[in-house]
Amino acid sequence: LQNYDLEDLRDLTRAAASVSILEDLLGKPELQHKITIVDRLRPEATKTAASVREAAAKLLEKHYMEPTAVQQLGATLQVYFHLSELPGAVWKAVDFAHNKAEAATRELWNPNTLSSLTEQARKQAKDSRMVSKKLVQLRLELAESWSEGLSEATNSVRNLQRVLTRKTDPESRKAFIDVVAGAPVPQSYGQPKSKRDFSLFALFWTRFCRTMANVMEEILDHDNGKLADDVAALYPPVRSVAKNLVGQLQESLPIAAYEDSGAAPTAGILGGSTALDDAFLQWTTGGPSSQLDNPQAGHSADSWTQTRETNVVSSSRSGTASSSLT
C-alpha cells in the first residue's frame, strides 16, 4: 500500500481496489479477534483508505465541472466504484451543482440587490435622462450573471451523466449509470417513475425548479410584497437569458445523445431532434412525424420551450419557477 502514488490516477484506482479488498477482509467476523499480524495491518489500511478517499474527493471536485476532462472524471468514478461509494459520490457532486445554482438564484432575487438597483442607476447615469437606460442595463447584467452561474451548474451535471452513461467497470462490466440508478435517490430529488426512466439531469432540474419557486415566493412575499414591482421589472431580462440558456442546453443534447446511443440526430431550427425527446430534460420537441427534418417548424420559440411530454415540476410552487424559465 505504501508504494501507491495517489496523485497518479492509475495508481489511485489500483489503491482503491486494494483498499476495497482489505476493508472487506478486515471486516470479517473471524478476524475481529486479536491477531498480531492483522492488528499490524489495520493502521496502514485505515490510513491508506482515508488518503484514497481524500484524493478521490479532490479529483471529483476538480474534474466533474470540466467537460474536457472526461477520462479523468471516468477514472475518478472508477475509484468510487471500487470503494462501493459511487452513488454517494455522484449525489454529492449533484448536490454541489444544485447549491451553486441555488446561490446564483438567491443572489438574483436578493431583496437588497433589487431595492438598490434604482439608486445604483442614478449614481452611474451621467444625467437624469439616462437613469432608465442605465437601470435596464443593470438588470440585464444581473440576469446574465445568474445565467452564467446556472449554466455552469447545469453543464456539470450533464457532463457527469454523460460519463456515467458511457463508463463501465472493466471487470464486472457493470454500467456506472445502472449502479447509480439502482441505489436510493436522495429524498430531496424525488423519485423517477422507473429505473428505466432514470435521468440524473432530470432529477437535478426538477429539484432546482422547486428551489427557484421557493426563492421567488420568498421575494414576492418579502415585506408584504413591497418588491413585487421590482420583480416584475427584472422578469423580461431574466426570461430572455433563461431562454438562451435553455436553447444552449437543447442544442448540446443532440451531440451527447448521438455519442452515447448512436442515434442519428435530425435537424431542428434550434438544434433539436425528435430522436432526443426526454434524453436529459424530459422535453419533447413537439414536431409531428411528418416534420422530422425540422420538428420545430410551425412553432414559435415560446411554444417549443413550453412543450412537454411529462410534467417535470409536480407542485404548484414549482410551476412558478418553471414558467419563469420559459
C-alpha atoms as a PDB file:
ATOM      1  CA  LEU A   1       0.000   0.000   0.000  1.00  0.00           C
ATOM      2  CA  GLN A   2       2.904   2.354   0.649  1.00  0.00           C
ATOM      3  CA  ASN A   3       4.069   2.081  -2.978  1.00  0.00           C
ATOM      4  CA  TYR A   4       0.999   3.782  -4.469  1.00  0.00           C
ATOM      5  CA  ASP A   5       1.293   7.300  -5.842  1.00  0.00           C
ATOM      6  CA  LEU A   6      -2.145   8.710  -5.102  1.00  0.00           C
ATOM      7  CA  GLU A   7      -1.541  11.686  -7.392  1.00  0.00           C
ATOM      8  CA  ASP A   8      -1.414   9.267 -10.320  1.00  0.00           C
ATOM      9  CA  LEU A   9      -4.940   8.280 -11.376  1.00  0.00           C
ATOM     10  CA  ARG A  10      -3.863   4.787 -12.382  1.00  0.00           C
ATOM     11  CA  ASP A  11      -2.203   4.175  -9.032  1.00  0.00           C
ATOM     12  CA  LEU A  12      -5.184   5.724  -7.231  1.00  0.00           C
ATOM     13  CA  THR A  13      -7.517   3.300  -8.993  1.00  0.00           C
ATOM     14  CA  ARG A  14      -5.319   0.336  -8.038  1.00  0.00           C
ATOM     15  CA  ALA A  15      -5.097   1.599  -4.471  1.00  0.00           C
ATOM     16  CA  ALA A  16      -8.879   1.868  -4.291  1.00  0.00           C
ATOM     17  CA  ALA A  17      -9.258  -1.723  -5.478  1.00  0.00           C
ATOM     18  CA  SER A  18      -6.738  -2.887  -2.850  1.00  0.00           C
ATOM     19  CA  VAL A  19      -8.445  -0.875  -0.117  1.00  0.00           C
ATOM     20  CA  SER A  20     -11.796  -2.403  -1.053  1.00  0.00           C
ATOM     21  CA  ILE A  21     -10.415  -5.921  -0.749  1.00  0.00           C
ATOM     22  CA  LEU A  22      -8.631  -5.153   2.523  1.00  0.00           C
ATOM     23  CA  GLU A  23     -11.660  -3.478   4.112  1.00  0.00           C
ATOM     24  CA  ASP A  24     -13.834  -6.441   3.169  1.00  0.00           C
ATOM     25  CA  LEU A  25     -11.244  -8.865   4.527  1.00  0.00           C
ATOM     26  CA  LEU A  26     -10.582  -6.983   7.765  1.00  0.00           C
ATOM     27  CA  GLY A  27     -14.298  -6.646   8.397  1.00  0.00           C
ATOM     28  CA  LYS A  28     -14.896 -10.395   8.534  1.00  0.00           C
ATOM     29  CA  PRO A  29     -16.061 -11.607  11.976  1.00  0.00           C
ATOM     30  CA  GLU A  30     -13.353 -14.268  12.231  1.00  0.00           C
ATOM     31  CA  LEU A  31     -10.658 -11.581  12.039  1.00  0.00           C
ATOM     32  CA  GLN A  32     -12.102  -9.416  14.798  1.00  0.00           C
ATOM     33  CA  HIS A  33     -10.238 -11.409  17.449  1.00  0.00           C
ATOM     34  CA  LYS A  34      -6.763 -10.247  18.423  1.00  0.00           C
ATOM     35  CA  ILE A  35      -4.404 -11.497  15.731  1.00  0.00           C
ATOM     36  CA  THR A  36      -0.974  -9.874  15.755  1.00  0.00           C
ATOM     37  CA  ILE A  37      -0.366  -9.768  12.010  1.00  0.00           C
ATOM     38  CA  VAL A  38      -3.874  -8.489  11.328  1.00  0.00           C
ATOM     39  CA  ASP A  39      -3.608  -5.805  14.015  1.00  0.00           C
ATOM     40  CA  ARG A  40      -0.365  -4.603  12.445  1.00  0.00           C
ATOM     41  CA  LEU A  41      -2.076  -4.310   9.077  1.00  0.00           C
ATOM     42  CA  ARG A  42      -5.136  -2.335  10.230  1.00  0.00           C
ATOM     43  CA  PRO A  43      -3.481   1.103  10.846  1.00  0.00           C
ATOM     44  CA  GLU A  44      -1.824   1.132   7.438  1.00  0.00           C
ATOM     45  CA  ALA A  45      -5.029   0.006   5.725  1.00  0.00           C
ATOM     46  CA  THR A  46      -7.067   2.661   7.551  1.00  0.00           C
ATOM     47  CA  LYS A  47      -4.559   5.397   6.706  1.00  0.00           C
ATOM     48  CA  THR A  48      -4.401   4.420   3.030  1.00  0.00           C
ATOM     49  CA  ALA A  49      -8.194   4.198   2.787  1.00  0.00           C
ATOM     50  CA  ALA A  50      -8.538   7.717   4.190  1.00  0.00           C
ATOM     51  CA  SER A  51      -5.901   9.025   1.771  1.00  0.00           C
ATOM     52  CA  VAL A  52      -7.587   7.360  -1.200  1.00  0.00           C
ATOM     53  CA  ARG A  53     -10.968   8.865  -0.326  1.00  0.00           C
ATOM     54  CA  GLU A  54      -9.447  12.294   0.194  1.00  0.00           C
ATOM     55  CA  ALA A  55      -7.629  12.169  -3.156  1.00  0.00           C
ATOM     56  CA  ALA A  56     -10.764  10.945  -4.936  1.00  0.00           C
ATOM     57  CA  ALA A  57     -12.871  13.733  -3.427  1.00  0.00           C
ATOM     58  CA  LYS A  58     -10.416  16.379  -4.638  1.00  0.00           C
ATOM     59  CA  LEU A  59     -10.317  14.906  -8.131  1.00  0.00           C
ATOM     60  CA  LEU A  60     -14.115  14.677  -8.365  1.00  0.00           C
ATOM     61  CA  GLU A  61     -14.483  18.295  -7.329  1.00  0.00           C
ATOM     62  CA  LYS A  62     -11.850  19.297  -9.870  1.00  0.00           C
ATOM     63  CA  HIS A  63     -12.937  17.286 -12.899  1.00  0.00           C
ATOM     64  CA  TYR A  64     -16.713  16.885 -12.823  1.00  0.00           C
ATOM     65  CA  MET A  65     -17.200  20.513 -13.906  1.00  0.00           C
ATOM     66  CA  GLU A  66     -14.718  20.221 -16.796  1.00  0.00           C
ATOM     67  CA  PRO A  67     -16.335  18.893 -19.998  1.00  0.00           C
ATOM     68  CA  THR A  68     -12.886  18.198 -21.480  1.00  0.00           C
ATOM     69  CA  ALA A  69     -11.730  16.060 -18.529  1.00  0.00           C
ATOM     70  CA  VAL A  70     -13.851  13.047 -19.447  1.00  0.00           C
ATOM     71  CA  GLN A  71     -11.107  10.458 -18.938  1.00  0.00           C
ATOM     72  CA  GLN A  72     -10.076  11.928 -15.580  1.00  0.00           C
ATOM     73  CA  LEU A  73     -13.669  12.010 -14.383  1.00  0.00           C
ATOM     74  CA  GLY A  74     -14.226   8.432 -15.541  1.00  0.00           C
ATOM     75  CA  ALA A  75     -11.123   7.257 -13.672  1.00  0.00           C
ATOM     76  CA  THR A  76     -12.212   9.121 -10.545  1.00  0.00           C
ATOM     77  CA  LEU A  77     -15.641   7.475 -10.686  1.00  0.00           C
ATOM     78  CA  GLN A  78     -13.856   4.130 -11.070  1.00  0.00           C
ATOM     79  CA  VAL A  79     -12.151   4.773  -7.736  1.00  0.00           C
ATOM     80  CA  TYR A  80     -15.524   5.283  -6.074  1.00  0.00           C
ATOM     81  CA  PHE A  81     -16.858   2.152  -7.774  1.00  0.00           C
ATOM     82  CA  HIS A  82     -14.044   0.101  -6.216  1.00  0.00           C
ATOM     83  CA  LEU A  83     -14.866   1.625  -2.837  1.00  0.00           C
ATOM     84  CA  SER A  84     -18.575   0.794  -3.322  1.00  0.00           C
ATOM     85  CA  GLU A  85     -19.311   4.502  -2.845  1.00  0.00           C
ATOM     86  CA  LEU A  86     -20.203   5.517  -6.401  1.00  0.00           C
ATOM     87  CA  PRO A  87     -23.851   6.596  -5.820  1.00  0.00           C
ATOM     88  CA  GLY A  88     -22.938   8.651  -2.766  1.00  0.00           C
ATOM     89  CA  ALA A  89     -20.130  10.430  -4.613  1.00  0.00           C
ATOM     90  CA  VAL A  90     -22.371  11.176  -7.596  1.00  0.00           C
ATOM     91  CA  TRP A  91     -25.177  12.639  -5.489  1.00  0.00           C
ATOM     92  CA  LYS A  92     -22.655  14.705  -3.557  1.00  0.00           C
ATOM     93  CA  ALA A  93     -21.493  16.221  -6.847  1.00  0.00           C
ATOM     94  CA  VAL A  94     -25.091  16.866  -7.909  1.00  0.00           C
ATOM     95  CA  ASP A  95     -25.758  18.489  -4.526  1.00  0.00           C
ATOM     96  CA  PHE A  96     -22.797  20.785  -5.109  1.00  0.00           C
ATOM     97  CA  ALA A  97     -24.176  21.782  -8.510  1.00  0.00           C
ATOM     98  CA  HIS A  98     -27.637  22.400  -7.053  1.00  0.00           C
ATOM     99  CA  ASN A  99     -26.187  24.536  -4.273  1.00  0.00           C
ATOM    100  CA  LYS A 100     -24.299  26.571  -6.864  1.00  0.00           C
ATOM    101  CA  ALA A 101     -27.469  27.083  -8.907  1.00  0.00           C
ATOM    102  CA  GLU A 102     -29.429  27.997  -5.780  1.00  0.00           C
ATOM    103  CA  ALA A 103     -26.778  30.503  -4.689  1.00  0.00           C
ATOM    104  CA  ALA A 104     -26.903  32.196  -8.101  1.00  0.00           C
ATOM    105  CA  THR A 105     -30.698  32.312  -7.926  1.00  0.00           C
ATOM    106  CA  ARG A 106     -30.789  33.764  -4.432  1.00  0.00           C
ATOM    107  CA  GLU A 107     -28.274  36.393  -5.499  1.00  0.00           C
ATOM    108  CA  LEU A 108     -30.533  37.304  -8.410  1.00  0.00           C
ATOM    109  CA  TRP A 109     -33.693  37.600  -6.296  1.00  0.00           C
ATOM    110  CA  ASN A 110     -31.980  39.248  -3.349  1.00  0.00           C
ATOM    111  CA  PRO A 111     -34.115  41.934  -1.624  1.00  0.00           C
ATOM    112  CA  ASN A 112     -31.111  44.200  -1.033  1.00  0.00           C
ATOM    113  CA  THR A 113     -29.955  43.866  -4.631  1.00  0.00           C
ATOM    114  CA  LEU A 114     -33.387  44.594  -6.108  1.00  0.00           C
ATOM    115  CA  SER A 115     -34.097  47.547  -3.854  1.00  0.00           C
ATOM    116  CA  SER A 116     -30.734  49.173  -4.603  1.00  0.00           C
ATOM    117  CA  LEU A 117     -30.805  48.920  -8.411  1.00  0.00           C
ATOM    118  CA  THR A 118     -32.585  52.235  -8.925  1.00  0.00           C
ATOM    119  CA  GLU A 119     -30.152  54.057  -6.647  1.00  0.00           C
ATOM    120  CA  GLN A 120     -27.203  52.476  -8.467  1.00  0.00           C
ATOM    121  CA  ALA A 121     -28.643  53.600 -11.790  1.00  0.00           C
ATOM    122  CA  ARG A 122     -28.961  57.185 -10.547  1.00  0.00           C
ATOM    123  CA  LYS A 123     -25.353  57.230  -9.355  1.00  0.00           C
ATOM    124  CA  GLN A 124     -23.910  55.674 -12.514  1.00  0.00           C
ATOM    125  CA  ALA A 125     -26.005  57.594 -15.051  1.00  0.00           C
ATOM    126  CA  LYS A 126     -24.367  60.720 -16.488  1.00  0.00           C
ATOM    127  CA  ASP A 127     -27.609  62.687 -16.272  1.00  0.00           C
ATOM    128  CA  SER A 128     -31.224  62.125 -15.205  1.00  0.00           C
ATOM    129  CA  ARG A 129     -32.306  61.262 -18.742  1.00  0.00           C
ATOM    130  CA  MET A 130     -30.011  58.218 -18.734  1.00  0.00           C
ATOM    131  CA  VAL A 131     -31.307  56.699 -15.498  1.00  0.00           C
ATOM    132  CA  SER A 132     -33.918  54.482 -17.166  1.00  0.00           C
ATOM    133  CA  LYS A 133     -31.437  53.211 -19.745  1.00  0.00           C
ATOM    134  CA  LYS A 134     -28.849  52.508 -17.038  1.00  0.00           C
ATOM    135  CA  LEU A 135     -31.449  50.658 -14.978  1.00  0.00           C
ATOM    136  CA  VAL A 136     -32.230  48.385 -17.919  1.00  0.00           C
ATOM    137  CA  GLN A 137     -28.509  47.694 -18.333  1.00  0.00           C
ATOM    138  CA  LEU A 138     -28.037  46.852 -14.642  1.00  0.00           C
ATOM    139  CA  ARG A 139     -30.982  44.457 -14.711  1.00  0.00           C
ATOM    140  CA  LEU A 140     -29.601  42.731 -17.784  1.00  0.00           C
ATOM    141  CA  GLU A 141     -26.156  42.381 -16.192  1.00  0.00           C
ATOM    142  CA  LEU A 142     -27.743  40.887 -13.082  1.00  0.00           C
ATOM    143  CA  ALA A 143     -29.720  38.404 -15.172  1.00  0.00           C
ATOM    144  CA  GLU A 144     -26.639  37.445 -17.201  1.00  0.00           C
ATOM    145  CA  SER A 145     -24.639  36.830 -14.029  1.00  0.00           C
ATOM    146  CA  TRP A 146     -27.379  34.483 -12.832  1.00  0.00           C
ATOM    147  CA  SER A 147     -27.405  32.697 -16.182  1.00  0.00           C
ATOM    148  CA  GLU A 148     -23.641  32.116 -16.056  1.00  0.00           C
ATOM    149  CA  GLY A 149     -23.847  30.531 -12.603  1.00  0.00           C
ATOM    150  CA  LEU A 150     -26.804  28.367 -13.592  1.00  0.00           C
ATOM    151  CA  SER A 151     -25.146  27.346 -16.860  1.00  0.00           C
ATOM    152  CA  GLU A 152     -22.016  26.165 -15.049  1.00  0.00           C
ATOM    153  CA  ALA A 153     -24.094  24.082 -12.652  1.00  0.00           C
ATOM    154  CA  THR A 154     -26.302  22.511 -15.335  1.00  0.00           C
ATOM    155  CA  ASN A 155     -23.389  21.724 -17.632  1.00  0.00           C
ATOM    156  CA  SER A 156     -21.514  19.993 -14.816  1.00  0.00           C
ATOM    157  CA  VAL A 157     -24.458  17.668 -14.123  1.00  0.00           C
ATOM    158  CA  ARG A 158     -24.936  16.980 -17.823  1.00  0.00           C
ATOM    159  CA  ASN A 159     -21.243  16.159 -18.134  1.00  0.00           C
ATOM    160  CA  LEU A 160     -21.433  13.859 -15.113  1.00  0.00           C
ATOM    161  CA  GLN A 161     -24.396  11.992 -16.597  1.00  0.00           C
ATOM    162  CA  ARG A 162     -22.625  11.599 -19.935  1.00  0.00           C
ATOM    163  CA  VAL A 163     -19.604   9.975 -18.286  1.00  0.00           C
ATOM    164  CA  LEU A 164     -21.788   7.729 -16.115  1.00  0.00           C
ATOM    165  CA  THR A 165     -23.693   6.611 -19.209  1.00  0.00           C
ATOM    166  CA  ARG A 166     -20.524   5.673 -21.077  1.00  0.00           C
ATOM    167  CA  LYS A 167     -18.419   4.220 -18.276  1.00  0.00           C
ATOM    168  CA  THR A 168     -18.499   0.550 -17.260  1.00  0.00           C
ATOM    169  CA  ASP A 169     -16.351  -1.362 -14.816  1.00  0.00           C
ATOM    170  CA  PRO A 170     -13.801  -3.327 -16.911  1.00  0.00           C
ATOM    171  CA  GLU A 171     -14.053  -6.392 -14.686  1.00  0.00           C
ATOM    172  CA  SER A 172     -17.739  -6.737 -13.803  1.00  0.00           C
ATOM    173  CA  ARG A 173     -18.986  -4.873 -16.915  1.00  0.00           C
ATOM    174  CA  LYS A 174     -21.492  -3.005 -14.791  1.00  0.00           C
ATOM    175  CA  ALA A 175     -22.592   0.297 -16.277  1.00  0.00           C
ATOM    176  CA  PHE A 176     -21.994   3.114 -13.808  1.00  0.00           C
ATOM    177  CA  ILE A 177     -25.321   4.757 -14.619  1.00  0.00           C
ATOM    178  CA  ASP A 178     -27.057   1.485 -13.667  1.00  0.00           C
ATOM    179  CA  VAL A 179     -25.191   1.393 -10.360  1.00  0.00           C
ATOM    180  CA  VAL A 180     -26.379   4.906  -9.530  1.00  0.00           C
ATOM    181  CA  ALA A 181     -29.913   4.223 -10.782  1.00  0.00           C
ATOM    182  CA  GLY A 182     -30.086   1.074  -8.654  1.00  0.00           C
ATOM    183  CA  ALA A 183     -29.206   2.942  -5.449  1.00  0.00           C
ATOM    184  CA  PRO A 184     -31.697   5.001  -3.408  1.00  0.00           C
ATOM    185  CA  VAL A 185     -32.312   8.522  -4.719  1.00  0.00           C
ATOM    186  CA  PRO A 186     -31.997  11.245  -2.057  1.00  0.00           C
ATOM    187  CA  GLN A 187     -35.433  12.353  -0.898  1.00  0.00           C
ATOM    188  CA  SER A 188     -34.827  15.968  -1.911  1.00  0.00           C
ATOM    189  CA  TYR A 189     -34.690  14.909  -5.574  1.00  0.00           C
ATOM    190  CA  GLY A 190     -37.921  12.941  -5.646  1.00  0.00           C
ATOM    191  CA  GLN A 191     -38.169   9.584  -7.388  1.00  0.00           C
ATOM    192  CA  PRO A 192     -38.033   8.635 -11.079  1.00  0.00           C
ATOM    193  CA  LYS A 193     -41.042   6.791 -12.454  1.00  0.00           C
ATOM    194  CA  SER A 194     -38.890   3.723 -13.000  1.00  0.00           C
ATOM    195  CA  LYS A 195     -35.242   2.696 -13.103  1.00  0.00           C
ATOM    196  CA  ARG A 196     -35.501   2.698 -16.883  1.00  0.00           C
ATOM    197  CA  ASP A 197     -36.513   6.374 -16.855  1.00  0.00           C
ATOM    198  CA  PHE A 198     -33.663   7.349 -14.527  1.00  0.00           C
ATOM    199  CA  SER A 199     -32.089  10.654 -15.523  1.00  0.00           C
ATOM    200  CA  LEU A 200     -29.629  12.371 -13.233  1.00  0.00           C
ATOM    201  CA  PHE A 201     -30.140  15.657 -15.041  1.00  0.00           C
ATOM    202  CA  ALA A 202     -33.941  15.481 -14.909  1.00  0.00           C
ATOM    203  CA  LEU A 203     -33.879  14.878 -11.156  1.00  0.00           C
ATOM    204  CA  PHE A 204     -31.440  17.757 -10.683  1.00  0.00           C
ATOM    205  CA  TRP A 205     -33.523  20.084 -12.854  1.00  0.00           C
ATOM    206  CA  THR A 206     -36.758  19.184 -11.084  1.00  0.00           C
ATOM    207  CA  ARG A 207     -35.252  19.972  -7.710  1.00  0.00           C
ATOM    208  CA  PHE A 208     -33.817  23.241  -8.984  1.00  0.00           C
ATOM    209  CA  CYS A 209     -37.228  24.289 -10.336  1.00  0.00           C
ATOM    210  CA  ARG A 210     -38.734  23.666  -6.915  1.00  0.00           C
ATOM    211  CA  THR A 211     -35.941  25.633  -5.292  1.00  0.00           C
ATOM    212  CA  MET A 212     -36.429  28.552  -7.644  1.00  0.00           C
ATOM    213  CA  ALA A 213     -40.173  28.507  -6.978  1.00  0.00           C
ATOM    214  CA  ASN A 214     -39.464  28.788  -3.254  1.00  0.00           C
ATOM    215  CA  VAL A 215     -36.978  31.623  -3.792  1.00  0.00           C
ATOM    216  CA  MET A 216     -39.433  33.561  -5.938  1.00  0.00           C
ATOM    217  CA  GLU A 217     -42.239  33.038  -3.465  1.00  0.00           C
ATOM    218  CA  GLU A 218     -39.999  34.398  -0.716  1.00  0.00           C
ATOM    219  CA  ILE A 219     -39.085  37.517  -2.687  1.00  0.00           C
ATOM    220  CA  LEU A 220     -42.707  38.171  -3.665  1.00  0.00           C
ATOM    221  CA  ASP A 221     -43.793  37.855  -0.024  1.00  0.00           C
ATOM    222  CA  HIS A 222     -40.903  39.956   1.270  1.00  0.00           C
ATOM    223  CA  ASP A 223     -42.065  42.985   3.261  1.00  0.00           C
ATOM    224  CA  ASN A 224     -45.695  42.337   2.310  1.00  0.00           C
ATOM    225  CA  GLY A 225     -44.994  42.343  -1.414  1.00  0.00           C
ATOM    226  CA  LYS A 226     -43.106  45.621  -1.449  1.00  0.00           C
ATOM    227  CA  LEU A 227     -40.698  44.341  -4.108  1.00  0.00           C
ATOM    228  CA  ALA A 228     -43.344  42.969  -6.485  1.00  0.00           C
ATOM    229  CA  ASP A 229     -42.800  45.787  -8.998  1.00  0.00           C
ATOM    230  CA  ASP A 230     -39.020  45.277  -8.915  1.00  0.00           C
ATOM    231  CA  VAL A 231     -39.501  41.552  -9.522  1.00  0.00           C
ATOM    232  CA  ALA A 232     -41.805  42.270 -12.464  1.00  0.00           C
ATOM    233  CA  ALA A 233     -39.276  44.728 -13.927  1.00  0.00           C
ATOM    234  CA  LEU A 234     -36.476  42.152 -13.703  1.00  0.00           C
ATOM    235  CA  TYR A 235     -38.596  39.428 -15.321  1.00  0.00           C
ATOM    236  CA  PRO A 236     -38.011  40.390 -19.016  1.00  0.00           C
ATOM    237  CA  PRO A 237     -34.183  40.170 -18.935  1.00  0.00           C
ATOM    238  CA  VAL A 238     -34.344  37.024 -16.788  1.00  0.00           C
ATOM    239  CA  ARG A 239     -36.750  35.418 -19.231  1.00  0.00           C
ATOM    240  CA  SER A 240     -34.521  36.402 -22.150  1.00  0.00           C
ATOM    241  CA  VAL A 241     -31.307  34.905 -20.723  1.00  0.00           C
ATOM    242  CA  ALA A 242     -33.223  31.842 -19.491  1.00  0.00           C
ATOM    243  CA  LYS A 243     -34.494  31.138 -22.988  1.00  0.00           C
ATOM    244  CA  ASN A 244     -30.951  31.457 -24.318  1.00  0.00           C
ATOM    245  CA  LEU A 245     -29.724  29.029 -21.662  1.00  0.00           C
ATOM    246  CA  VAL A 246     -32.494  26.541 -22.468  1.00  0.00           C
ATOM    247  CA  GLY A 247     -31.629  26.800 -26.159  1.00  0.00           C
ATOM    248  CA  GLN A 248     -27.943  26.152 -25.480  1.00  0.00           C
ATOM    249  CA  LEU A 249     -28.787  23.106 -23.389  1.00  0.00           C
ATOM    250  CA  GLN A 250     -31.116  21.737 -26.035  1.00  0.00           C
ATOM    251  CA  GLU A 251     -28.528  22.288 -28.764  1.00  0.00           C
ATOM    252  CA  SER A 252     -25.917  20.406 -26.742  1.00  0.00           C
ATOM    253  CA  LEU A 253     -28.151  17.397 -26.112  1.00  0.00           C
ATOM    254  CA  PRO A 254     -28.112  16.024 -29.678  1.00  0.00           C
ATOM    255  CA  ILE A 255     -24.316  15.759 -29.534  1.00  0.00           C
ATOM    256  CA  ALA A 256     -24.407  13.975 -26.167  1.00  0.00           C
ATOM    257  CA  ALA A 257     -27.199  11.596 -27.152  1.00  0.00           C
ATOM    258  CA  TYR A 258     -25.584  10.854 -30.505  1.00  0.00           C
ATOM    259  CA  GLU A 259     -22.286   9.977 -28.885  1.00  0.00           C
ATOM    260  CA  ASP A 260     -23.889   7.872 -26.145  1.00  0.00           C
ATOM    261  CA  SER A 261     -26.589   5.988 -28.039  1.00  0.00           C
ATOM    262  CA  GLY A 262     -25.563   6.189 -31.686  1.00  0.00           C
ATOM    263  CA  ALA A 263     -28.882   7.781 -32.606  1.00  0.00           C
ATOM    264  CA  ALA A 264     -28.793   9.810 -35.792  1.00  0.00           C
ATOM    265  CA  PRO A 265     -29.913  13.344 -34.951  1.00  0.00           C
ATOM    266  CA  THR A 266     -32.251  15.239 -37.255  1.00  0.00           C
ATOM    267  CA  ALA A 267     -32.002  18.948 -37.903  1.00  0.00           C
ATOM    268  CA  GLY A 268     -34.070  21.479 -35.986  1.00  0.00           C
ATOM    269  CA  ILE A 269     -34.176  25.237 -36.002  1.00  0.00           C
ATOM    270  CA  LEU A 270     -32.663  25.271 -32.510  1.00  0.00           C
ATOM    271  CA  GLY A 271     -30.617  22.102 -32.862  1.00  0.00           C
ATOM    272  CA  GLY A 272     -33.430  19.869 -31.570  1.00  0.00           C
ATOM    273  CA  SER A 273     -34.254  16.336 -32.651  1.00  0.00           C
ATOM    274  CA  THR A 274     -37.302  14.142 -32.210  1.00  0.00           C
ATOM    275  CA  ALA A 275     -34.900  11.268 -31.549  1.00  0.00           C
ATOM    276  CA  LEU A 276     -33.758  13.051 -28.408  1.00  0.00           C
ATOM    277  CA  ASP A 277     -37.072  13.594 -26.647  1.00  0.00           C
ATOM    278  CA  ASP A 278     -36.599  13.158 -22.891  1.00  0.00           C
ATOM    279  CA  ALA A 279     -32.891  12.408 -23.290  1.00  0.00           C
ATOM    280  CA  PHE A 280     -31.927  14.656 -20.381  1.00  0.00           C
ATOM    281  CA  LEU A 281     -34.525  17.353 -19.771  1.00  0.00           C
ATOM    282  CA  GLN A 282     -37.614  15.166 -20.426  1.00  0.00           C
ATOM    283  CA  TRP A 283     -38.745  17.546 -23.137  1.00  0.00           C
ATOM    284  CA  THR A 284     -40.411  16.866 -26.450  1.00  0.00           C
ATOM    285  CA  THR A 285     -39.737  18.985 -29.499  1.00  0.00           C
ATOM    286  CA  GLY A 286     -43.419  18.869 -30.322  1.00  0.00           C
ATOM    287  CA  GLY A 287     -42.882  18.268 -34.047  1.00  0.00           C
ATOM    288  CA  PRO A 288     -45.176  15.814 -35.895  1.00  0.00           C
ATOM    289  CA  SER A 289     -43.646  12.767 -37.551  1.00  0.00           C
ATOM    290  CA  SER A 290     -44.036  14.355 -40.981  1.00  0.00           C
ATOM    291  CA  GLN A 291     -41.647  17.144 -39.954  1.00  0.00           C
ATOM    292  CA  LEU A 292     -38.673  15.083 -38.824  1.00  0.00           C
ATOM    293  CA  ASP A 293     -36.245  17.246 -40.787  1.00  0.00           C
ATOM    294  CA  ASN A 294     -37.447  20.312 -38.901  1.00  0.00           C
ATOM    295  CA  PRO A 295     -39.504  19.239 -35.844  1.00  0.00           C
ATOM    296  CA  GLN A 296     -39.901  22.818 -34.638  1.00  0.00           C
ATOM    297  CA  ALA A 297     -41.326  24.088 -37.924  1.00  0.00           C
ATOM    298  CA  GLY A 298     -44.556  25.973 -37.489  1.00  0.00           C
ATOM    299  CA  HIS A 299     -43.931  26.614 -33.784  1.00  0.00           C
ATOM    300  CA  SER A 300     -42.689  29.751 -32.119  1.00  0.00           C
ATOM    301  CA  ALA A 301     -39.737  29.607 -29.735  1.00  0.00           C
ATOM    302  CA  ASP A 302     -42.174  30.136 -26.867  1.00  0.00           C
ATOM    303  CA  SER A 303     -44.429  27.228 -27.790  1.00  0.00           C
ATOM    304  CA  TRP A 304     -41.393  24.990 -28.308  1.00  0.00           C
ATOM    305  CA  THR A 305     -39.840  25.728 -24.917  1.00  0.00           C
ATOM    306  CA  GLN A 306     -43.196  25.209 -23.197  1.00  0.00           C
ATOM    307  CA  THR A 307     -43.995  21.844 -24.821  1.00  0.00           C
ATOM    308  CA  ARG A 308     -43.508  18.867 -22.508  1.00  0.00           C
ATOM    309  CA  GLU A 309     -44.486  15.210 -22.522  1.00  0.00           C
ATOM    310  CA  THR A 310     -44.368  14.928 -18.758  1.00  0.00           C
ATOM    311  CA  ASN A 311     -44.975  17.447 -16.053  1.00  0.00           C
ATOM    312  CA  VAL A 312     -41.448  17.640 -14.656  1.00  0.00           C
ATOM    313  CA  VAL A 313     -42.491  20.049 -11.934  1.00  0.00           C
ATOM    314  CA  SER A 314     -45.253  18.448  -9.929  1.00  0.00           C
ATOM    315  CA  SER A 315     -46.131  21.038  -7.336  1.00  0.00           C
ATOM    316  CA  SER A 316     -47.967  24.302  -7.834  1.00  0.00           C
ATOM    317  CA  ARG A 317     -44.986  26.122  -6.380  1.00  0.00           C
ATOM    318  CA  SER A 318     -42.730  24.545  -8.977  1.00  0.00           C
ATOM    319  CA  GLY A 319     -44.913  25.931 -11.706  1.00  0.00           C
ATOM    320  CA  THR A 320     -43.795  29.415 -10.712  1.00  0.00           C
ATOM    321  CA  ALA A 321     -40.155  28.662 -11.417  1.00  0.00           C
ATOM    322  CA  SER A 322     -40.903  26.535 -14.485  1.00  0.00           C
ATOM    323  CA  SER A 323     -42.949  29.235 -16.145  1.00  0.00           C
ATOM    324  CA  SER A 324     -40.382  31.887 -15.294  1.00  0.00           C
ATOM    325  CA  LEU A 325     -37.755  29.896 -17.165  1.00  0.00           C
ATOM    326  CA  THR A 326     -39.892  29.747 -20.317  1.00  0.00           C
END
